Amino acid sequence: MINRILKRAESGNPLSDEELLELFRINRPEEFADLMDTAFNIMRDHRDRVKLTSTVHITNICQVTPRCRYCGFAAGTSKNGYYTPFFKTDDEILEAVRIIEESGIPRVSCSGAHGFNGEHAVKAAEIVKENTSLELLINVGADLTLSSTRKLADYGTDTVCCNLETINNDLFNLIKPGERLEDRIRVCESVCDSGIELSSGLLIGLGESYADRIRHLRFLDEFESLGEIPIMGFNPYSGTPMENHPPCPLDEQMKTIAITRILYPDIRITVATPTIGPENARFSLMAGADNLATVIPDGYPHDVKGVGSPRYGNLNDVLMVIQEMGLKPQLNFAPEAEGVAIL
């Protein structure tokens, strides 16, 4: 049955929820390998480069109360995360994005905590777009207002990310008691209305069912400007209420990436190197992902703590993985001219 479903998927035939559920239930090694091969082939048919996205964390001073139960990003939540409050100055943001641009990474994510009505994101967009040629993703969750979203559009922001994380409302309320799912959906809708590309994805391993994941993936198709789906596996931060919750198994992340690729052949699928684990970046590519995020170049001027894990992917290490897999990265310079050996 799995072989028949995968052949239908590779031929571009739409799959039913029941067929997707069968793929999620795969547990035989040979069927798992076939699922990975199918997703990888679909990705290769639609992409000739792996995109890389670096990051600048604007602030960890978050006004969400009570705090998200897994968060190690906000000030005071985890000593393994960003425990000390910070708010990057304009000059600090500019220094970081110029080093990212010089490294050849084509894209930067500027992300920050809630409590600023998106104005911190607007300032970051102004700095990036007026001083670099970088593609820009803004990620401040549901902090955006209609006014700040319009300003982001005016500055030429390429993508706005607002992850729903789960559309199981009971689970959302349990893990994010200070937020409302409908607020995040509203931001996604306003991003689409503004004409900006939307990025919105899943945080898996929280206790959701396979049916929840399928329903979530189907729901994302309702957003007209959807161009990117991040798939994030839960990793516990010490000191948080969910510090003893088990991390999402790697095979579950890979299956979810692969099934997302089957459902969305043309969509950018993003995996942040902290949530998959920098040493496991190759497995996200094997499963059909085509954008690796939280990629940090040598010489980056600020401390970086990955969202979901304090680790991150070093640019040189990520380039080596891409090369070893016979893939090519999207860089903003000719690798040979910069001494980077890319096959």
C-alpha atoms as a PDB file:
ATOM      1  CA  MET A   1       0.000   0.000   0.000  1.00  0.00           C
ATOM      2  CA  ILE A   2       2.790   2.470   0.898  1.00  0.00           C
ATOM      3  CA  ASN A   3       4.501   1.891  -2.438  1.00  0.00           C
ATOM      4  CA  ARG A   4       1.241   2.638  -4.275  1.00  0.00           C
ATOM      5  CA  ILE A   5       0.700   5.843  -2.281  1.00  0.00           C
ATOM      6  CA  LEU A   6       4.239   7.037  -2.940  1.00  0.00           C
ATOM      7  CA  LYS A   7       3.964   6.343  -6.658  1.00  0.00           C
ATOM      8  CA  ARG A   8       0.781   8.412  -6.751  1.00  0.00           C
ATOM      9  CA  ALA A   9       2.536  11.189  -4.846  1.00  0.00           C
ATOM     10  CA  GLU A  10       5.571  11.265  -7.134  1.00  0.00           C
ATOM     11  CA  SER A  11       3.245  11.415 -10.149  1.00  0.00           C
ATOM     12  CA  GLY A  12       1.637  14.538  -8.704  1.00  0.00           C
ATOM     13  CA  ASN A  13      -1.682  12.966  -7.740  1.00  0.00           C
ATOM     14  CA  PRO A  14      -3.409  14.466  -4.684  1.00  0.00           C
ATOM     15  CA  LEU A  15      -3.470  12.212  -1.636  1.00  0.00           C
ATOM     16  CA  SER A  16      -6.401  11.732   0.710  1.00  0.00           C
ATOM     17  CA  ASP A  17      -6.164  12.281   4.459  1.00  0.00           C
ATOM     18  CA  GLU A  18      -6.295   8.507   4.892  1.00  0.00           C
ATOM     19  CA  GLU A  19      -3.288   8.078   2.585  1.00  0.00           C
ATOM     20  CA  LEU A  20      -1.362  10.799   4.429  1.00  0.00           C
ATOM     21  CA  LEU A  21      -2.163   9.051   7.696  1.00  0.00           C
ATOM     22  CA  GLU A  22      -0.683   5.818   6.317  1.00  0.00           C
ATOM     23  CA  LEU A  23       2.527   7.716   5.499  1.00  0.00           C
ATOM     24  CA  PHE A  24       2.712   9.131   9.031  1.00  0.00           C
ATOM     25  CA  ARG A  25       2.285   5.602  10.419  1.00  0.00           C
ATOM     26  CA  ILE A  26       5.269   4.226   8.503  1.00  0.00           C
ATOM     27  CA  ASN A  27       7.591   2.317  10.818  1.00  0.00           C
ATOM     28  CA  ARG A  28       9.352  -0.183   8.531  1.00  0.00           C
ATOM     29  CA  PRO A  29      12.871   0.986   7.575  1.00  0.00           C
ATOM     30  CA  GLU A  30      12.449   0.220   3.873  1.00  0.00           C
ATOM     31  CA  GLU A  31       9.177   2.159   3.674  1.00  0.00           C
ATOM     32  CA  PHE A  32      10.723   5.062   5.586  1.00  0.00           C
ATOM     33  CA  ALA A  33      13.604   5.123   3.085  1.00  0.00           C
ATOM     34  CA  ASP A  34      11.134   5.092   0.177  1.00  0.00           C
ATOM     35  CA  LEU A  35       9.252   8.031   1.712  1.00  0.00           C
ATOM     36  CA  MET A  36      12.506  10.021   2.005  1.00  0.00           C
ATOM     37  CA  ASP A  37      13.495   9.188  -1.573  1.00  0.00           C
ATOM     38  CA  THR A  38      10.107  10.286  -2.893  1.00  0.00           C
ATOM     39  CA  ALA A  39      10.196  13.610  -1.047  1.00  0.00           C
ATOM     40  CA  PHE A  40      13.829  14.256  -2.043  1.00  0.00           C
ATOM     41  CA  ASN A  41      13.049  13.569  -5.702  1.00  0.00           C
ATOM     42  CA  ILE A  42      10.069  15.926  -5.615  1.00  0.00           C
ATOM     43  CA  MET A  43      12.264  18.630  -4.079  1.00  0.00           C
ATOM     44  CA  ARG A  44      14.953  18.125  -6.739  1.00  0.00           C
ATOM     45  CA  ASP A  45      12.330  18.389  -9.475  1.00  0.00           C
ATOM     46  CA  HIS A  46      11.286  21.833  -8.203  1.00  0.00           C
ATOM     47  CA  ARG A  47      14.500  23.324  -6.763  1.00  0.00           C
ATOM     48  CA  ASP A  48      18.049  23.653  -8.048  1.00  0.00           C
ATOM     49  CA  ARG A  49      19.495  25.372  -4.961  1.00  0.00           C
ATOM     50  CA  VAL A  50      19.270  25.085  -1.185  1.00  0.00           C
ATOM     51  CA  LYS A  51      18.433  28.462   0.347  1.00  0.00           C
ATOM     52  CA  LEU A  52      20.254  29.604   3.469  1.00  0.00           C
ATOM     53  CA  THR A  53      18.788  31.985   6.035  1.00  0.00           C
ATOM     54  CA  SER A  54      20.737  33.651   8.826  1.00  0.00           C
ATOM     55  CA  THR A  55      19.227  35.462  11.790  1.00  0.00           C
ATOM     56  CA  VAL A  56      19.254  38.557  13.947  1.00  0.00           C
ATOM     57  CA  HIS A  57      17.380  38.369  17.231  1.00  0.00           C
ATOM     58  CA  ILE A  58      16.160  41.907  17.919  1.00  0.00           C
ATOM     59  CA  THR A  59      14.952  41.556  21.492  1.00  0.00           C
ATOM     60  CA  ASN A  60      14.032  38.928  24.075  1.00  0.00           C
ATOM     61  CA  ILE A  61      12.011  41.325  26.231  1.00  0.00           C
ATOM     62  CA  CYS A  62       8.591  39.690  25.913  1.00  0.00           C
ATOM     63  CA  GLN A  63       5.294  40.984  27.270  1.00  0.00           C
ATOM     64  CA  VAL A  64       3.331  37.742  26.777  1.00  0.00           C
ATOM     65  CA  THR A  65       1.839  36.740  30.141  1.00  0.00           C
ATOM     66  CA  PRO A  66       1.811  33.971  31.148  1.00  0.00           C
ATOM     67  CA  ARG A  67       4.829  32.885  29.141  1.00  0.00           C
ATOM     68  CA  CYS A  68       4.756  30.112  26.569  1.00  0.00           C
ATOM     69  CA  ARG A  69       5.525  26.949  28.532  1.00  0.00           C
ATOM     70  CA  TYR A  70       8.383  25.826  26.269  1.00  0.00           C
ATOM     71  CA  CYS A  71      10.049  29.201  25.634  1.00  0.00           C
ATOM     72  CA  GLY A  72      13.785  29.568  26.240  1.00  0.00           C
ATOM     73  CA  PHE A  73      14.005  32.722  24.135  1.00  0.00           C
ATOM     74  CA  ALA A  74      12.344  35.294  26.410  1.00  0.00           C
ATOM     75  CA  ALA A  75      14.354  36.972  29.146  1.00  0.00           C
ATOM     76  CA  GLY A  76      14.439  35.072  32.428  1.00  0.00           C
ATOM     77  CA  THR A  77      13.040  31.785  31.105  1.00  0.00           C
ATOM     78  CA  SER A  78      16.103  29.553  30.767  1.00  0.00           C
ATOM     79  CA  LYS A  79      19.764  29.988  31.654  1.00  0.00           C
ATOM     80  CA  ASN A  80      20.593  27.975  28.518  1.00  0.00           C
ATOM     81  CA  GLY A  81      18.756  30.530  26.407  1.00  0.00           C
ATOM     82  CA  TYR A  82      18.650  34.316  26.302  1.00  0.00           C
ATOM     83  CA  TYR A  83      18.309  34.768  30.050  1.00  0.00           C
ATOM     84  CA  THR A  84      19.532  38.365  30.293  1.00  0.00           C
ATOM     85  CA  PRO A  85      17.241  41.012  28.724  1.00  0.00           C
ATOM     86  CA  PHE A  86      18.510  42.708  25.565  1.00  0.00           C
ATOM     87  CA  PHE A  87      17.298  45.044  22.850  1.00  0.00           C
ATOM     88  CA  LYS A  88      19.693  45.379  19.926  1.00  0.00           C
ATOM     89  CA  THR A  89      20.534  48.893  18.832  1.00  0.00           C
ATOM     90  CA  ASP A  90      20.242  50.015  15.219  1.00  0.00           C
ATOM     91  CA  ASP A  91      24.034  49.867  14.906  1.00  0.00           C
ATOM     92  CA  GLU A  92      24.155  46.318  16.290  1.00  0.00           C
ATOM     93  CA  ILE A  93      21.527  45.159  13.788  1.00  0.00           C
ATOM     94  CA  LEU A  94      23.365  46.887  10.945  1.00  0.00           C
ATOM     95  CA  GLU A  95      26.694  45.334  11.921  1.00  0.00           C
ATOM     96  CA  ALA A  96      25.167  41.850  11.982  1.00  0.00           C
ATOM     97  CA  VAL A  97      23.331  42.073   8.661  1.00  0.00           C
ATOM     98  CA  ARG A  98      26.376  43.474   6.860  1.00  0.00           C
ATOM     99  CA  ILE A  99      28.483  40.515   8.023  1.00  0.00           C
ATOM    100  CA  ILE A 100      25.704  38.140   6.931  1.00  0.00           C
ATOM    101  CA  GLU A 101      25.623  39.786   3.503  1.00  0.00           C
ATOM    102  CA  GLU A 102      29.426  39.647   3.157  1.00  0.00           C
ATOM    103  CA  SER A 103      29.341  35.904   3.913  1.00  0.00           C
ATOM    104  CA  GLY A 104      27.195  35.253   0.838  1.00  0.00           C
ATOM    105  CA  ILE A 105      24.122  34.145   2.768  1.00  0.00           C
ATOM    106  CA  PRO A 106      21.246  35.626   0.751  1.00  0.00           C
ATOM    107  CA  ARG A 107      18.599  35.978   3.431  1.00  0.00           C
ATOM    108  CA  VAL A 108      18.179  37.124   7.014  1.00  0.00           C
ATOM    109  CA  SER A 109      15.419  36.557   9.539  1.00  0.00           C
ATOM    110  CA  CYS A 110      14.859  39.385  12.010  1.00  0.00           C
ATOM    111  CA  SER A 111      12.853  38.075  14.934  1.00  0.00           C
ATOM    112  CA  GLY A 112      11.802  39.390  18.290  1.00  0.00           C
ATOM    113  CA  ALA A 113       9.502  39.132  21.263  1.00  0.00           C
ATOM    114  CA  HIS A 114       5.999  40.534  21.742  1.00  0.00           C
ATOM    115  CA  GLY A 115       5.056  43.878  23.194  1.00  0.00           C
ATOM    116  CA  PHE A 116       6.031  46.446  20.574  1.00  0.00           C
ATOM    117  CA  ASN A 117       3.115  46.370  18.091  1.00  0.00           C
ATOM    118  CA  GLY A 118       5.600  45.314  15.446  1.00  0.00           C
ATOM    119  CA  GLU A 119       7.487  48.620  15.454  1.00  0.00           C
ATOM    120  CA  HIS A 120      10.769  46.864  16.350  1.00  0.00           C
ATOM    121  CA  ALA A 121      10.244  44.739  13.231  1.00  0.00           C
ATOM    122  CA  VAL A 122       9.572  47.835  11.121  1.00  0.00           C
ATOM    123  CA  LYS A 123      12.842  49.426  12.288  1.00  0.00           C
ATOM    124  CA  ALA A 124      14.743  46.229  11.477  1.00  0.00           C
ATOM    125  CA  ALA A 125      13.167  46.149   8.012  1.00  0.00           C
ATOM    126  CA  GLU A 126      14.238  49.745   7.422  1.00  0.00           C
ATOM    127  CA  ILE A 127      17.832  48.945   8.405  1.00  0.00           C
ATOM    128  CA  VAL A 128      18.070  45.784   6.296  1.00  0.00           C
ATOM    129  CA  LYS A 129      16.385  47.124   3.184  1.00  0.00           C
ATOM    130  CA  GLU A 130      18.126  50.506   3.144  1.00  0.00           C
ATOM    131  CA  ASN A 131      21.625  49.141   3.733  1.00  0.00           C
ATOM    132  CA  THR A 132      21.846  45.645   2.195  1.00  0.00           C
ATOM    133  CA  SER A 133      20.604  43.546  -0.694  1.00  0.00           C
ATOM    134  CA  LEU A 134      19.505  40.734   1.633  1.00  0.00           C
ATOM    135  CA  GLU A 135      16.150  39.052   1.333  1.00  0.00           C
ATOM    136  CA  LEU A 136      14.270  39.773   4.542  1.00  0.00           C
ATOM    137  CA  LEU A 137      12.024  37.618   6.691  1.00  0.00           C
ATOM    138  CA  ILE A 138      10.371  39.214   9.719  1.00  0.00           C
ATOM    139  CA  ASN A 139       9.191  36.991  12.567  1.00  0.00           C
ATOM    140  CA  VAL A 140       7.578  38.634  15.588  1.00  0.00           C
ATOM    141  CA  GLY A 141       4.597  36.291  15.820  1.00  0.00           C
ATOM    142  CA  ALA A 142       1.274  37.908  16.603  1.00  0.00           C
ATOM    143  CA  ASP A 143       2.860  41.202  17.675  1.00  0.00           C
ATOM    144  CA  LEU A 144       2.161  42.772  14.279  1.00  0.00           C
ATOM    145  CA  THR A 145      -0.666  45.256  13.854  1.00  0.00           C
ATOM    146  CA  LEU A 146      -2.319  46.150  10.568  1.00  0.00           C
ATOM    147  CA  SER A 147      -0.327  49.399  10.556  1.00  0.00           C
ATOM    148  CA  SER A 148       3.055  47.742  11.165  1.00  0.00           C
ATOM    149  CA  THR A 149       2.309  45.078   8.552  1.00  0.00           C
ATOM    150  CA  ARG A 150       1.645  47.792   5.976  1.00  0.00           C
ATOM    151  CA  LYS A 151       4.909  49.503   6.909  1.00  0.00           C
ATOM    152  CA  LEU A 152       6.765  46.220   6.406  1.00  0.00           C
ATOM    153  CA  ALA A 153       5.231  46.003   2.945  1.00  0.00           C
ATOM    154  CA  ASP A 154       6.279  49.597   2.202  1.00  0.00           C
ATOM    155  CA  TYR A 155       9.899  48.748   3.050  1.00  0.00           C
ATOM    156  CA  GLY A 156       9.849  45.778   0.672  1.00  0.00           C
ATOM    157  CA  THR A 157       9.872  43.012   3.276  1.00  0.00           C
ATOM    158  CA  ASP A 158       9.996  39.738   1.354  1.00  0.00           C
ATOM    159  CA  THR A 159       8.417  37.383   3.881  1.00  0.00           C
ATOM    160  CA  VAL A 160       6.635  37.581   7.224  1.00  0.00           C
ATOM    161  CA  CYS A 161       6.595  34.503   9.432  1.00  0.00           C
ATOM    162  CA  CYS A 162       3.813  33.850  11.911  1.00  0.00           C
ATOM    163  CA  ASN A 163       3.889  30.226  12.987  1.00  0.00           C
ATOM    164  CA  LEU A 164       0.600  28.783  14.192  1.00  0.00           C
ATOM    165  CA  GLU A 165       2.613  25.913  15.725  1.00  0.00           C
ATOM    166  CA  THR A 166      -0.520  23.806  16.223  1.00  0.00           C
ATOM    167  CA  ILE A 167      -4.157  24.332  15.273  1.00  0.00           C
ATOM    168  CA  ASN A 168      -5.334  21.969  17.992  1.00  0.00           C
ATOM    169  CA  ASN A 169      -6.859  24.789  20.035  1.00  0.00           C
ATOM    170  CA  ASP A 170      -6.791  22.922  23.358  1.00  0.00           C
ATOM    171  CA  LEU A 171      -3.109  22.088  22.904  1.00  0.00           C
ATOM    172  CA  PHE A 172      -2.319  25.650  21.790  1.00  0.00           C
ATOM    173  CA  ASN A 173      -3.964  27.045  24.936  1.00  0.00           C
ATOM    174  CA  LEU A 174      -2.045  24.577  27.096  1.00  0.00           C
ATOM    175  CA  ILE A 175       1.421  25.405  25.765  1.00  0.00           C
ATOM    176  CA  LYS A 176       0.811  29.087  24.959  1.00  0.00           C
ATOM    177  CA  PRO A 177      -1.534  30.279  27.729  1.00  0.00           C
ATOM    178  CA  GLY A 178      -0.712  33.951  27.142  1.00  0.00           C
ATOM    179  CA  GLU A 179      -1.664  33.919  23.445  1.00  0.00           C
ATOM    180  CA  ARG A 180      -4.695  33.119  21.317  1.00  0.00           C
ATOM    181  CA  LEU A 181      -4.608  31.017  18.172  1.00  0.00           C
ATOM    182  CA  GLU A 182      -7.085  33.357  16.475  1.00  0.00           C
ATOM    183  CA  ASP A 183      -4.633  36.257  16.878  1.00  0.00           C
ATOM    184  CA  ARG A 184      -1.957  34.365  14.978  1.00  0.00           C
ATOM    185  CA  ILE A 185      -4.435  33.415  12.257  1.00  0.00           C
ATOM    186  CA  ARG A 186      -5.440  37.084  12.014  1.00  0.00           C
ATOM    187  CA  VAL A 187      -1.810  38.117  11.470  1.00  0.00           C
ATOM    188  CA  CYS A 188      -1.402  35.466   8.766  1.00  0.00           C
ATOM    189  CA  GLU A 189      -4.481  36.812   7.004  1.00  0.00           C
ATOM    190  CA  SER A 190      -3.293  40.423   7.206  1.00  0.00           C
ATOM    191  CA  VAL A 191       0.116  39.433   5.812  1.00  0.00           C
ATOM    192  CA  CYS A 192      -1.629  37.846   2.830  1.00  0.00           C
ATOM    193  CA  ASP A 193      -3.833  40.924   2.403  1.00  0.00           C
ATOM    194  CA  SER A 194      -0.714  43.129   2.345  1.00  0.00           C
ATOM    195  CA  GLY A 195       0.789  41.150  -0.526  1.00  0.00           C
ATOM    196  CA  ILE A 196       3.786  39.934   1.501  1.00  0.00           C
ATOM    197  CA  GLU A 197       4.796  36.288   1.217  1.00  0.00           C
ATOM    198  CA  LEU A 198       3.628  34.336   4.283  1.00  0.00           C
ATOM    199  CA  SER A 199       5.700  31.804   6.191  1.00  0.00           C
ATOM    200  CA  SER A 200       3.759  29.716   8.703  1.00  0.00           C
ATOM    201  CA  GLY A 201       4.565  26.332  10.097  1.00  0.00           C
ATOM    202  CA  LEU A 202       4.254  23.540  12.628  1.00  0.00           C
ATOM    203  CA  LEU A 203       5.939  22.861  15.948  1.00  0.00           C
ATOM    204  CA  ILE A 204       5.692  19.104  16.331  1.00  0.00           C
ATOM    205  CA  GLY A 205       6.217  16.740  19.230  1.00  0.00           C
ATOM    206  CA  LEU A 206       4.041  18.737  21.618  1.00  0.00           C
ATOM    207  CA  GLY A 207       1.452  15.995  22.030  1.00  0.00           C
ATOM    208  CA  GLU A 208      -0.481  16.562  18.820  1.00  0.00           C
ATOM    209  CA  SER A 209      -1.888  13.640  16.819  1.00  0.00           C
ATOM    210  CA  TYR A 210      -1.089  12.755  13.226  1.00  0.00           C
ATOM    211  CA  ALA A 211      -4.617  13.888  12.384  1.00  0.00           C
ATOM    212  CA  ASP A 212      -3.769  17.277  13.936  1.00  0.00           C
ATOM    213  CA  ARG A 213      -0.718  17.592  11.690  1.00  0.00           C
ATOM    214  CA  ILE A 214      -2.701  16.687   8.584  1.00  0.00           C
ATOM    215  CA  ARG A 215      -5.449  19.148   9.462  1.00  0.00           C
ATOM    216  CA  HIS A 216      -2.834  21.846  10.069  1.00  0.00           C
ATOM    217  CA  LEU A 217      -1.107  21.224   6.741  1.00  0.00           C
ATOM    218  CA  ARG A 218      -4.444  21.360   4.935  1.00  0.00           C
ATOM    219  CA  PHE A 219      -5.389  24.562   6.770  1.00  0.00           C
ATOM    220  CA  LEU A 220      -2.254  26.368   5.604  1.00  0.00           C
ATOM    221  CA  ASP A 221      -3.451  26.050   2.012  1.00  0.00           C
ATOM    222  CA  GLU A 222      -6.148  28.619   2.815  1.00  0.00           C
ATOM    223  CA  PHE A 223      -3.557  31.427   2.982  1.00  0.00           C
ATOM    224  CA  GLU A 224      -3.216  32.957  -0.479  1.00  0.00           C
ATOM    225  CA  SER A 225       0.370  34.219  -0.186  1.00  0.00           C
ATOM    226  CA  LEU A 226       1.773  31.158   1.588  1.00  0.00           C
ATOM    227  CA  GLY A 227       5.295  30.623   0.268  1.00  0.00           C
ATOM    228  CA  GLU A 228       7.110  28.877   3.105  1.00  0.00           C
ATOM    229  CA  ILE A 229       6.352  26.242   5.739  1.00  0.00           C
ATOM    230  CA  PRO A 230       8.779  25.817   8.649  1.00  0.00           C
ATOM    231  CA  ILE A 231       8.776  22.394  10.281  1.00  0.00           C
ATOM    232  CA  MET A 232      10.122  22.602  13.828  1.00  0.00           C
ATOM    233  CA  GLY A 233      10.648  19.699  16.193  1.00  0.00           C
ATOM    234  CA  PHE A 234      10.199  20.410  19.901  1.00  0.00           C
ATOM    235  CA  ASN A 235      13.346  20.518  22.025  1.00  0.00           C
ATOM    236  CA  PRO A 236      13.078  21.229  25.768  1.00  0.00           C
ATOM    237  CA  TYR A 237      14.856  24.189  27.322  1.00  0.00           C
ATOM    238  CA  SER A 238      15.953  23.622  30.927  1.00  0.00           C
ATOM    239  CA  GLY A 239      14.236  25.826  33.485  1.00  0.00           C
ATOM    240  CA  THR A 240      10.967  26.008  31.552  1.00  0.00           C
ATOM    241  CA  PRO A 241       7.691  24.286  32.515  1.00  0.00           C
ATOM    242  CA  MET A 242       8.237  21.813  29.651  1.00  0.00           C
ATOM    243  CA  GLU A 243      11.856  20.997  30.461  1.00  0.00           C
ATOM    244  CA  ASN A 244      10.954  17.335  31.062  1.00  0.00           C
ATOM    245  CA  HIS A 245       8.797  16.955  27.964  1.00  0.00           C
ATOM    246  CA  PRO A 246      10.582  14.564  25.568  1.00  0.00           C
ATOM    247  CA  PRO A 247      12.194  16.055  22.455  1.00  0.00           C
ATOM    248  CA  CYS A 248      10.581  15.319  19.122  1.00  0.00           C
ATOM    249  CA  PRO A 249      12.233  12.219  17.601  1.00  0.00           C
ATOM    250  CA  LEU A 250      14.285  12.852  14.465  1.00  0.00           C
ATOM    251  CA  ASP A 251      12.288  10.343  12.416  1.00  0.00           C
ATOM    252  CA  GLU A 252       9.050  12.192  13.246  1.00  0.00           C
ATOM    253  CA  GLN A 253      10.574  15.433  12.021  1.00  0.00           C
ATOM    254  CA  MET A 254      11.762  13.767   8.824  1.00  0.00           C
ATOM    255  CA  LYS A 255       8.378  12.151   8.153  1.00  0.00           C
ATOM    256  CA  THR A 256       6.593  15.464   8.668  1.00  0.00           C
ATOM    257  CA  ILE A 257       9.015  17.298   6.360  1.00  0.00           C
ATOM    258  CA  ALA A 258       8.622  14.620   3.698  1.00  0.00           C
ATOM    259  CA  ILE A 259       4.819  14.606   3.858  1.00  0.00           C
ATOM    260  CA  THR A 260       4.795  18.402   3.726  1.00  0.00           C
ATOM    261  CA  ARG A 261       6.949  18.229   0.578  1.00  0.00           C
ATOM    262  CA  ILE A 262       4.515  15.764  -0.999  1.00  0.00           C
ATOM    263  CA  LEU A 263       1.589  18.062  -0.205  1.00  0.00           C
ATOM    264  CA  TYR A 264       3.412  21.234  -1.285  1.00  0.00           C
ATOM    265  CA  PRO A 265       5.866  20.466  -4.120  1.00  0.00           C
ATOM    266  CA  ASP A 266       6.480  24.155  -4.924  1.00  0.00           C
ATOM    267  CA  ILE A 267       6.584  25.610  -1.397  1.00  0.00           C
ATOM    268  CA  ARG A 268       9.808  26.452   0.433  1.00  0.00           C
ATOM    269  CA  ILE A 269      10.163  24.105   3.397  1.00  0.00           C
ATOM    270  CA  THR A 270      12.314  25.498   6.179  1.00  0.00           C
ATOM    271  CA  VAL A 271      14.125  23.705   8.950  1.00  0.00           C
ATOM    272  CA  ALA A 272      15.937  25.745  11.579  1.00  0.00           C
ATOM    273  CA  THR A 273      19.282  24.147  12.377  1.00  0.00           C
ATOM    274  CA  PRO A 274      18.678  24.392  16.166  1.00  0.00           C
ATOM    275  CA  THR A 275      15.387  22.477  16.099  1.00  0.00           C
ATOM    276  CA  ILE A 276      16.664  19.649  13.871  1.00  0.00           C
ATOM    277  CA  GLY A 277      20.117  19.769  15.471  1.00  0.00           C
ATOM    278  CA  PRO A 278      23.042  21.196  13.443  1.00  0.00           C
ATOM    279  CA  GLU A 279      24.532  17.712  13.083  1.00  0.00           C
ATOM    280  CA  ASN A 280      21.244  16.498  11.547  1.00  0.00           C
ATOM    281  CA  ALA A 281      20.842  19.186   8.873  1.00  0.00           C
ATOM    282  CA  ARG A 282      21.484  16.624   6.149  1.00  0.00           C
ATOM    283  CA  PHE A 283      18.442  14.617   7.220  1.00  0.00           C
ATOM    284  CA  SER A 284      16.109  17.574   6.707  1.00  0.00           C
ATOM    285  CA  LEU A 285      17.438  17.891   3.146  1.00  0.00           C
ATOM    286  CA  MET A 286      17.024  14.140   2.611  1.00  0.00           C
ATOM    287  CA  ALA A 287      13.369  14.584   3.612  1.00  0.00           C
ATOM    288  CA  GLY A 288      12.765  17.331   1.057  1.00  0.00           C
ATOM    289  CA  ALA A 289      13.503  20.583   2.911  1.00  0.00           C
ATOM    290  CA  ASP A 290      15.117  23.302   0.800  1.00  0.00           C
ATOM    291  CA  ASN A 291      15.839  26.119   3.265  1.00  0.00           C
ATOM    292  CA  LEU A 292      18.159  25.841   6.259  1.00  0.00           C
ATOM    293  CA  ALA A 293      17.690  28.603   8.806  1.00  0.00           C
ATOM    294  CA  THR A 294      19.711  29.968  11.727  1.00  0.00           C
ATOM    295  CA  VAL A 295      22.889  29.576   9.675  1.00  0.00           C
ATOM    296  CA  ILE A 296      25.568  31.751  11.258  1.00  0.00           C
ATOM    297  CA  PRO A 297      28.765  32.850   9.460  1.00  0.00           C
ATOM    298  CA  ASP A 298      32.188  33.113  11.040  1.00  0.00           C
ATOM    299  CA  GLY A 299      32.761  36.571  12.448  1.00  0.00           C
ATOM    300  CA  TYR A 300      29.147  37.086  13.437  1.00  0.00           C
ATOM    301  CA  PRO A 301      29.313  39.810  16.092  1.00  0.00           C
ATOM    302  CA  HIS A 302      26.640  38.742  18.594  1.00  0.00           C
ATOM    303  CA  ASP A 303      25.792  35.764  20.759  1.00  0.00           C
ATOM    304  CA  VAL A 304      23.179  33.515  19.153  1.00  0.00           C
ATOM    305  CA  LYS A 305      20.829  31.160  20.959  1.00  0.00           C
ATOM    306  CA  GLY A 306      18.662  29.149  18.636  1.00  0.00           C
ATOM    307  CA  VAL A 307      14.922  29.174  19.181  1.00  0.00           C
ATOM    308  CA  GLY A 308      14.187  25.632  20.354  1.00  0.00           C
ATOM    309  CA  SER A 309      17.819  24.908  21.203  1.00  0.00           C
ATOM    310  CA  PRO A 310      20.862  26.981  22.180  1.00  0.00           C
ATOM    311  CA  ARG A 311      22.829  25.509  19.250  1.00  0.00           C
ATOM    312  CA  TYR A 312      22.900  26.673  15.640  1.00  0.00           C
ATOM    313  CA  GLY A 313      24.424  25.766  12.279  1.00  0.00           C
ATOM    314  CA  ASN A 314      27.792  27.245  11.272  1.00  0.00           C
ATOM    315  CA  LEU A 315      27.863  28.387   7.635  1.00  0.00           C
ATOM    316  CA  ASN A 316      30.991  26.419   6.703  1.00  0.00           C
ATOM    317  CA  ASP A 317      29.623  23.217   8.249  1.00  0.00           C
ATOM    318  CA  VAL A 318      26.267  23.664   6.490  1.00  0.00           C
ATOM    319  CA  LEU A 319      27.973  24.253   3.124  1.00  0.00           C
ATOM    320  CA  MET A 320      29.955  21.056   3.597  1.00  0.00           C
ATOM    321  CA  VAL A 321      26.777  19.057   4.241  1.00  0.00           C
ATOM    322  CA  ILE A 322      25.099  20.495   1.148  1.00  0.00           C
ATOM    323  CA  GLN A 323      28.149  19.674  -0.974  1.00  0.00           C
ATOM    324  CA  GLU A 324      28.411  16.123   0.373  1.00  0.00           C
ATOM    325  CA  MET A 325      24.793  15.529  -0.668  1.00  0.00           C
ATOM    326  CA  GLY A 326      25.450  16.615  -4.234  1.00  0.00           C
ATOM    327  CA  LEU A 327      23.313  19.730  -3.805  1.00  0.00           C
ATOM    328  CA  LYS A 328      24.187  23.381  -4.365  1.00  0.00           C
ATOM    329  CA  PRO A 329      23.582  26.316  -2.043  1.00  0.00           C
ATOM    330  CA  GLN A 330      22.084  29.615  -3.101  1.00  0.00           C
ATOM    331  CA  LEU A 331      24.815  32.165  -2.393  1.00  0.00           C
ATOM    332  CA  ASN A 332      25.119  35.815  -3.326  1.00  0.00           C
ATOM    333  CA  PHE A 333      28.577  35.441  -4.826  1.00  0.00           C
ATOM    334  CA  ALA A 334      30.432  32.931  -6.991  1.00  0.00           C
ATOM    335  CA  PRO A 335      31.796  30.355  -4.497  1.00  0.00           C
ATOM    336  CA  GLU A 336      34.975  29.772  -6.515  1.00  0.00           C
ATOM    337  CA  ALA A 337      35.826  33.451  -6.330  1.00  0.00           C
ATOM    338  CA  GLU A 338      35.583  33.405  -2.554  1.00  0.00           C
ATOM    339  CA  GLY A 339      37.515  30.212  -2.063  1.00  0.00           C
ATOM    340  CA  VAL A 340      34.471  28.147  -1.118  1.00  0.00           C
ATOM    341  CA  ALA A 341      34.615  24.720  -2.732  1.00  0.00           C
ATOM    342  CA  ILE A 342      31.118  23.854  -3.877  1.00  0.00           C
ATOM    343  CA  LEU A 343      30.557  20.989  -6.308  1.00  0.00           C
END
